[in-house]
Amino acid sequence: MKSGIHPDYHMIDVKMTDGTVFQIRSTWGKPGDQMSLDIDPLAHPAWTGGSAKLMDTGGRVSKFKNKYAGLGF
């Protein structure tokens, strides 16, 4: 294999929607950074079989609803 073409893997923290944190190897960010998930297997209806428990971080859901309010959403 060629040297210097592969990304650097390092340990990061991943914070789930319920607040639990675990460590994983990743190429994302810098060593020790924390990735916070908005939707994960604990909250996504595809895995839970129920309705979505979206956490509106940054007002994205309300921004969408305001933008398309006249269309009957």
C-alpha atoms as a PDB file:
ATOM      1  CA  MET A   1       0.000   0.000   0.000  1.00  0.00           C
ATOM      2  CA  LYS A   2       1.094   3.552  -0.636  1.00  0.00           C
ATOM      3  CA  SER A   3       2.174   5.499   2.408  1.00  0.00           C
ATOM      4  CA  GLY A   4       0.611   8.844   3.289  1.00  0.00           C
ATOM      5  CA  ILE A   5      -2.705   8.352   1.441  1.00  0.00           C
ATOM      6  CA  HIS A   6      -4.735   6.846   4.279  1.00  0.00           C
ATOM      7  CA  PRO A   7      -6.646   9.034   6.754  1.00  0.00           C
ATOM      8  CA  ASP A   8      -5.554   9.334  10.361  1.00  0.00           C
ATOM      9  CA  TYR A   9      -7.756   7.323  12.732  1.00  0.00           C
ATOM     10  CA  HIS A  10      -8.058   8.614  16.286  1.00  0.00           C
ATOM     11  CA  MET A  11     -10.422   8.296  19.264  1.00  0.00           C
ATOM     12  CA  ILE A  12     -13.477  10.600  19.525  1.00  0.00           C
ATOM     13  CA  ASP A  13     -16.465  10.685  21.883  1.00  0.00           C
ATOM     14  CA  VAL A  14     -19.966  10.141  20.471  1.00  0.00           C
ATOM     15  CA  LYS A  15     -22.869  11.556  22.515  1.00  0.00           C
ATOM     16  CA  MET A  16     -26.206   9.808  21.956  1.00  0.00           C
ATOM     17  CA  THR A  17     -29.615  11.536  22.248  1.00  0.00           C
ATOM     18  CA  ASP A  18     -30.132  10.134  25.756  1.00  0.00           C
ATOM     19  CA  GLY A  19     -26.858  11.677  26.965  1.00  0.00           C
ATOM     20  CA  THR A  20     -24.709   8.536  27.036  1.00  0.00           C
ATOM     21  CA  VAL A  21     -21.213   8.916  25.648  1.00  0.00           C
ATOM     22  CA  PHE A  22     -18.976   6.260  24.134  1.00  0.00           C
ATOM     23  CA  GLN A  23     -15.603   6.289  22.413  1.00  0.00           C
ATOM     24  CA  ILE A  24     -14.974   5.156  18.870  1.00  0.00           C
ATOM     25  CA  ARG A  25     -12.173   5.336  16.325  1.00  0.00           C
ATOM     26  CA  SER A  26     -12.902   7.805  13.530  1.00  0.00           C
ATOM     27  CA  THR A  27     -11.402  10.098  10.918  1.00  0.00           C
ATOM     28  CA  TRP A  28     -13.874  12.856  11.929  1.00  0.00           C
ATOM     29  CA  GLY A  29     -12.555  15.868  13.844  1.00  0.00           C
ATOM     30  CA  LYS A  30      -9.488  15.876  16.039  1.00  0.00           C
ATOM     31  CA  PRO A  31      -8.519  13.415  18.777  1.00  0.00           C
ATOM     32  CA  GLY A  32     -10.776  13.928  21.793  1.00  0.00           C
ATOM     33  CA  ASP A  33     -13.528  15.860  19.935  1.00  0.00           C
ATOM     34  CA  GLN A  34     -17.172  15.072  20.759  1.00  0.00           C
ATOM     35  CA  MET A  35     -19.798  14.343  18.099  1.00  0.00           C
ATOM     36  CA  SER A  36     -23.370  14.976  19.302  1.00  0.00           C
ATOM     37  CA  LEU A  37     -26.066  13.053  17.448  1.00  0.00           C
ATOM     38  CA  ASP A  38     -29.513  14.560  16.737  1.00  0.00           C
ATOM     39  CA  ILE A  39     -30.959  11.226  15.599  1.00  0.00           C
ATOM     40  CA  ASP A  40     -29.574   7.818  16.526  1.00  0.00           C
ATOM     41  CA  PRO A  41     -30.891   4.241  16.870  1.00  0.00           C
ATOM     42  CA  LEU A  42     -32.382   5.147  20.273  1.00  0.00           C
ATOM     43  CA  ALA A  43     -34.665   7.830  18.798  1.00  0.00           C
ATOM     44  CA  HIS A  44     -35.139   7.015  15.101  1.00  0.00           C
ATOM     45  CA  PRO A  45     -38.510   5.427  14.265  1.00  0.00           C
ATOM     46  CA  ALA A  46     -36.883   2.974  11.852  1.00  0.00           C
ATOM     47  CA  TRP A  47     -35.241   1.243  14.834  1.00  0.00           C
ATOM     48  CA  THR A  48     -37.741   1.968  17.597  1.00  0.00           C
ATOM     49  CA  GLY A  49     -40.875   1.160  15.607  1.00  0.00           C
ATOM     50  CA  GLY A  50     -42.610   4.216  17.051  1.00  0.00           C
ATOM     51  CA  SER A  51     -42.974   7.855  16.284  1.00  0.00           C
ATOM     52  CA  ALA A  52     -39.931  10.092  16.039  1.00  0.00           C
ATOM     53  CA  LYS A  53     -38.639  11.928  19.100  1.00  0.00           C
ATOM     54  CA  LEU A  54     -36.876  14.727  17.244  1.00  0.00           C
ATOM     55  CA  MET A  55     -34.830  17.112  19.324  1.00  0.00           C
ATOM     56  CA  ASP A  56     -35.065  20.534  17.692  1.00  0.00           C
ATOM     57  CA  THR A  57     -31.483  21.668  18.132  1.00  0.00           C
ATOM     58  CA  GLY A  58     -30.928  24.963  16.422  1.00  0.00           C
ATOM     59  CA  GLY A  59     -34.614  25.476  15.544  1.00  0.00           C
ATOM     60  CA  ARG A  60     -34.451  23.509  12.287  1.00  0.00           C
ATOM     61  CA  VAL A  61     -37.890  21.907  12.665  1.00  0.00           C
ATOM     62  CA  SER A  62     -39.591  25.200  13.518  1.00  0.00           C
ATOM     63  CA  LYS A  63     -37.742  26.928  10.655  1.00  0.00           C
ATOM     64  CA  PHE A  64     -39.056  24.272   8.248  1.00  0.00           C
ATOM     65  CA  LYS A  65     -42.614  24.601   9.592  1.00  0.00           C
ATOM     66  CA  ASN A  66     -42.503  28.409   9.255  1.00  0.00           C
ATOM     67  CA  LYS A  67     -41.117  28.216   5.718  1.00  0.00           C
ATOM     68  CA  TYR A  68     -43.836  25.848   4.494  1.00  0.00           C
ATOM     69  CA  ALA A  69     -46.723  26.958   6.737  1.00  0.00           C
ATOM     70  CA  GLY A  70     -48.943  27.986   3.803  1.00  0.00           C
ATOM     71  CA  LEU A  71     -48.810  24.520   2.230  1.00  0.00           C
ATOM     72  CA  GLY A  72     -50.891  22.829   4.945  1.00  0.00           C
ATOM     73  CA  PHE A  73     -48.164  21.154   7.033  1.00  0.00           C
END
